[in-house]
């Protein structure tokens, strides 16, 4: 790749779609572009799928859902994952 070519910015709608497909209905996703360049992102994902699994496995699910985006279009990803709080 030369200096005139750039990796396209990841489409936020695509990121949301990929995560919802992998993690299922009820998943909430907050996505923030940290630099305005579209390749440094903060991502907060809350999914029932994360319940009772270690954080490292939660992150693996997210990275797996994003696939090739994290190998190119996304340069930096600040990731926070959680399961919904249980109601008493």
N, C-alpha and C. Protein backbone atom coordinates (compact mmCIF):
# COMPACT_ATOMS: atom_id res chain seq x y z
N UNK A 1 0.85 -1.18 0.00
CA UNK A 1 0.00 0.00 0.00
C UNK A 1 0.89 1.24 0.00
N UNK A 2 0.62 2.18 -0.88
CA UNK A 2 1.42 3.39 -0.91
C UNK A 2 0.75 4.49 -0.11
N UNK A 3 1.38 5.66 -0.03
CA UNK A 3 0.87 6.75 0.81
C UNK A 3 -0.46 7.30 0.34
N UNK A 4 -0.81 7.12 -0.93
CA UNK A 4 -2.06 7.67 -1.43
C UNK A 4 -3.24 6.75 -1.16
N UNK A 5 -2.97 5.52 -0.76
CA UNK A 5 -4.04 4.59 -0.45
C UNK A 5 -4.23 4.54 1.06
N UNK A 6 -5.48 4.49 1.47
CA UNK A 6 -5.78 4.37 2.89
C UNK A 6 -6.80 3.26 3.08
N UNK A 7 -6.78 2.67 4.24
CA UNK A 7 -7.78 1.67 4.57
C UNK A 7 -9.08 2.41 4.84
N UNK A 8 -10.19 1.95 4.26
CA UNK A 8 -11.46 2.64 4.50
C UNK A 8 -11.86 2.58 5.97
N UNK A 9 -12.54 3.63 6.41
CA UNK A 9 -13.04 3.66 7.79
C UNK A 9 -14.08 2.57 7.98
N UNK A 10 -14.10 1.96 9.15
CA UNK A 10 -15.14 0.96 9.39
C UNK A 10 -16.51 1.64 9.48
N UNK A 11 -17.49 1.03 8.91
CA UNK A 11 -18.86 1.53 8.93
C UNK A 11 -19.48 1.18 10.28
N UNK A 12 -19.95 2.17 11.02
CA UNK A 12 -20.50 1.92 12.35
C UNK A 12 -21.73 1.03 12.29
N UNK A 13 -22.52 1.16 11.23
CA UNK A 13 -23.69 0.30 11.08
C UNK A 13 -23.26 -1.15 10.88
N UNK A 14 -22.18 -1.36 10.15
CA UNK A 14 -21.67 -2.71 9.93
C UNK A 14 -21.16 -3.31 11.23
N UNK A 15 -20.45 -2.52 12.02
CA UNK A 15 -19.95 -3.00 13.31
C UNK A 15 -21.12 -3.43 14.20
N UNK A 16 -22.14 -2.61 14.26
CA UNK A 16 -23.33 -2.93 15.06
C UNK A 16 -23.99 -4.20 14.55
N UNK A 17 -24.14 -4.32 13.24
CA UNK A 17 -24.77 -5.50 12.65
C UNK A 17 -23.98 -6.77 12.96
N UNK A 18 -22.68 -6.73 12.80
CA UNK A 18 -21.84 -7.89 13.08
C UNK A 18 -21.96 -8.35 14.53
N UNK A 19 -21.94 -7.38 15.44
CA UNK A 19 -22.03 -7.71 16.86
C UNK A 19 -23.41 -8.26 17.23
N UNK A 20 -24.46 -7.66 16.69
CA UNK A 20 -25.81 -8.15 16.99
C UNK A 20 -26.03 -9.56 16.44
N UNK A 21 -25.48 -9.83 15.25
CA UNK A 21 -25.61 -11.16 14.67
C UNK A 21 -24.90 -12.21 15.53
N UNK A 22 -23.72 -11.87 16.03
CA UNK A 22 -22.93 -12.81 16.82
C UNK A 22 -23.46 -12.98 18.24
N UNK A 23 -23.92 -11.86 18.85
CA UNK A 23 -24.26 -11.88 20.27
C UNK A 23 -25.75 -11.98 20.54
N UNK A 24 -26.58 -11.77 19.55
CA UNK A 24 -28.01 -11.98 19.69
C UNK A 24 -28.81 -10.75 20.08
N UNK A 25 -30.12 -10.97 20.09
CA UNK A 25 -31.08 -9.91 20.42
C UNK A 25 -30.85 -9.43 21.84
N UNK A 26 -31.14 -8.18 22.07
CA UNK A 26 -30.98 -7.61 23.41
C UNK A 26 -29.59 -7.08 23.69
N UNK A 27 -28.67 -7.25 22.76
CA UNK A 27 -27.32 -6.72 22.94
C UNK A 27 -27.37 -5.21 22.77
N UNK A 28 -26.74 -4.49 23.70
CA UNK A 28 -26.64 -3.04 23.55
C UNK A 28 -25.20 -2.69 23.21
N UNK A 29 -25.07 -1.74 22.30
CA UNK A 29 -23.76 -1.38 21.76
C UNK A 29 -23.63 0.13 21.77
N UNK A 30 -22.55 0.60 22.37
CA UNK A 30 -22.20 2.03 22.32
C UNK A 30 -20.86 2.12 21.61
N UNK A 31 -20.83 2.91 20.55
CA UNK A 31 -19.62 3.04 19.74
C UNK A 31 -19.26 4.51 19.62
N UNK A 32 -18.01 4.82 19.93
CA UNK A 32 -17.55 6.20 19.88
C UNK A 32 -16.24 6.27 19.11
N UNK A 33 -16.17 7.21 18.18
CA UNK A 33 -14.94 7.48 17.43
C UNK A 33 -14.09 8.42 18.28
N UNK A 34 -12.95 7.94 18.74
CA UNK A 34 -12.14 8.71 19.70
C UNK A 34 -11.31 9.83 19.06
N UNK A 35 -11.02 9.72 17.77
CA UNK A 35 -10.13 10.70 17.15
C UNK A 35 -10.73 11.43 15.96
N UNK A 36 -11.88 10.98 15.49
CA UNK A 36 -12.48 11.57 14.30
C UNK A 36 -11.98 10.94 13.01
N UNK A 37 -11.05 10.00 13.12
CA UNK A 37 -10.51 9.35 11.93
C UNK A 37 -11.22 8.04 11.62
N UNK A 38 -12.04 7.56 12.55
CA UNK A 38 -12.80 6.35 12.33
C UNK A 38 -12.05 5.06 12.59
N UNK A 39 -10.79 5.16 12.98
CA UNK A 39 -10.03 3.93 13.20
C UNK A 39 -9.57 3.74 14.64
N UNK A 40 -9.90 4.69 15.52
CA UNK A 40 -9.63 4.58 16.96
C UNK A 40 -10.99 4.65 17.66
N UNK A 41 -11.45 3.49 18.12
CA UNK A 41 -12.81 3.40 18.60
C UNK A 41 -12.89 2.98 20.06
N UNK A 42 -13.93 3.46 20.72
CA UNK A 42 -14.30 2.98 22.05
C UNK A 42 -15.60 2.23 21.86
N UNK A 43 -15.63 1.00 22.34
CA UNK A 43 -16.79 0.14 22.14
C UNK A 43 -17.22 -0.44 23.47
N UNK A 44 -18.48 -0.22 23.81
CA UNK A 44 -19.06 -0.81 25.02
C UNK A 44 -20.18 -1.75 24.57
N UNK A 45 -20.07 -3.00 24.99
CA UNK A 45 -21.04 -4.00 24.57
C UNK A 45 -21.59 -4.70 25.80
N UNK A 46 -22.91 -4.73 25.90
CA UNK A 46 -23.59 -5.41 27.00
C UNK A 46 -24.47 -6.50 26.38
N UNK A 47 -24.23 -7.74 26.78
CA UNK A 47 -24.97 -8.85 26.19
C UNK A 47 -25.19 -9.96 27.21
N UNK A 48 -26.35 -10.56 27.17
CA UNK A 48 -26.63 -11.71 28.01
C UNK A 48 -25.67 -12.85 27.68
N UNK A 49 -25.18 -12.87 26.47
CA UNK A 49 -24.22 -13.91 26.04
C UNK A 49 -22.95 -13.89 26.89
N UNK A 50 -22.64 -12.76 27.51
CA UNK A 50 -21.43 -12.63 28.31
C UNK A 50 -21.59 -13.16 29.74
N UNK A 51 -22.82 -13.47 30.13
CA UNK A 51 -23.06 -13.87 31.51
C UNK A 51 -22.26 -15.13 31.86
N UNK A 52 -21.57 -15.04 32.98
CA UNK A 52 -20.83 -16.17 33.56
C UNK A 52 -19.66 -16.67 32.70
N UNK A 53 -19.16 -15.82 31.81
CA UNK A 53 -17.93 -16.21 31.09
C UNK A 53 -16.85 -15.17 31.38
N UNK A 54 -15.61 -15.59 31.43
CA UNK A 54 -14.52 -14.67 31.75
C UNK A 54 -14.42 -13.53 30.73
N UNK A 55 -13.91 -12.40 31.20
CA UNK A 55 -13.79 -11.22 30.36
C UNK A 55 -12.97 -11.50 29.09
N UNK A 56 -11.90 -12.28 29.22
CA UNK A 56 -11.08 -12.56 28.05
C UNK A 56 -11.92 -13.28 26.98
N UNK A 57 -12.82 -14.16 27.39
CA UNK A 57 -13.69 -14.85 26.44
C UNK A 57 -14.75 -13.91 25.86
N UNK A 58 -15.22 -12.96 26.66
CA UNK A 58 -16.14 -11.94 26.16
C UNK A 58 -15.46 -11.15 25.04
N UNK A 59 -14.22 -10.75 25.29
CA UNK A 59 -13.48 -9.97 24.30
C UNK A 59 -13.22 -10.79 23.04
N UNK A 60 -12.94 -12.08 23.22
CA UNK A 60 -12.74 -12.95 22.05
C UNK A 60 -13.98 -13.02 21.19
N UNK A 61 -15.15 -13.06 21.82
CA UNK A 61 -16.41 -13.07 21.07
C UNK A 61 -16.55 -11.80 20.23
N UNK A 62 -16.22 -10.66 20.83
CA UNK A 62 -16.32 -9.39 20.11
C UNK A 62 -15.32 -9.35 18.96
N UNK A 63 -14.07 -9.69 19.23
CA UNK A 63 -13.06 -9.69 18.17
C UNK A 63 -13.43 -10.68 17.06
N UNK A 64 -13.98 -11.83 17.44
CA UNK A 64 -14.41 -12.80 16.45
C UNK A 64 -15.52 -12.26 15.57
N UNK A 65 -16.45 -11.52 16.17
CA UNK A 65 -17.55 -10.94 15.41
C UNK A 65 -17.05 -9.88 14.43
N UNK A 66 -16.05 -9.11 14.85
CA UNK A 66 -15.54 -8.03 14.01
C UNK A 66 -14.61 -8.53 12.90
N UNK A 67 -14.06 -9.72 13.09
CA UNK A 67 -13.26 -10.36 12.05
C UNK A 67 -12.15 -9.49 11.49
N UNK A 68 -12.14 -9.34 10.19
CA UNK A 68 -11.06 -8.63 9.49
C UNK A 68 -11.01 -7.14 9.79
N UNK A 69 -12.08 -6.57 10.33
CA UNK A 69 -12.06 -5.13 10.65
C UNK A 69 -10.96 -4.81 11.66
N UNK A 70 -10.71 -5.72 12.61
CA UNK A 70 -9.68 -5.46 13.61
C UNK A 70 -8.28 -5.75 13.08
N UNK A 71 -8.20 -6.27 11.89
CA UNK A 71 -6.91 -6.52 11.27
C UNK A 71 -6.53 -5.43 10.29
N UNK A 72 -7.41 -4.45 10.10
CA UNK A 72 -7.13 -3.42 9.12
C UNK A 72 -7.77 -2.09 9.41
N UNK A 73 -9.09 -2.01 9.22
CA UNK A 73 -9.79 -0.74 9.32
C UNK A 73 -9.79 -0.16 10.73
N UNK A 74 -9.82 -1.02 11.74
CA UNK A 74 -9.79 -0.56 13.13
C UNK A 74 -8.35 -0.65 13.62
N UNK A 75 -7.76 0.50 13.89
CA UNK A 75 -6.36 0.54 14.33
C UNK A 75 -6.24 0.34 15.84
N UNK A 76 -7.17 0.95 16.59
CA UNK A 76 -7.15 0.85 18.05
C UNK A 76 -8.58 0.68 18.54
N UNK A 77 -8.75 -0.24 19.50
CA UNK A 77 -10.08 -0.51 20.02
C UNK A 77 -10.03 -0.56 21.55
N UNK A 78 -10.73 0.37 22.18
CA UNK A 78 -10.89 0.37 23.63
C UNK A 78 -12.21 -0.36 23.89
N UNK A 79 -12.13 -1.53 24.50
CA UNK A 79 -13.28 -2.42 24.60
C UNK A 79 -13.70 -2.62 26.04
N UNK A 80 -14.99 -2.48 26.27
CA UNK A 80 -15.59 -2.76 27.58
C UNK A 80 -16.79 -3.67 27.35
N UNK A 81 -16.79 -4.82 28.01
CA UNK A 81 -17.89 -5.77 27.85
C UNK A 81 -18.52 -6.06 29.20
N UNK A 82 -19.80 -6.40 29.16
CA UNK A 82 -20.51 -6.75 30.41
C UNK A 82 -21.78 -7.51 30.07
N UNK A 83 -22.30 -8.19 31.08
CA UNK A 83 -23.63 -8.80 30.99
C UNK A 83 -24.60 -7.84 31.67
N UNK A 84 -25.87 -7.87 31.28
CA UNK A 84 -26.84 -7.00 31.94
C UNK A 84 -26.92 -7.33 33.43
N UNK A 85 -27.19 -6.32 34.22
CA UNK A 85 -27.35 -6.54 35.65
C UNK A 85 -28.63 -7.35 35.89
N UNK A 86 -28.53 -8.31 36.80
CA UNK A 86 -29.69 -9.12 37.15
C UNK A 86 -30.63 -8.31 38.01
N UNK A 87 -31.92 -8.45 37.72
CA UNK A 87 -32.91 -7.79 38.55
C UNK A 87 -33.24 -8.68 39.72
N UNK A 88 -33.37 -8.09 40.91
CA UNK A 88 -33.67 -8.89 42.12
C UNK A 88 -35.13 -9.23 42.19
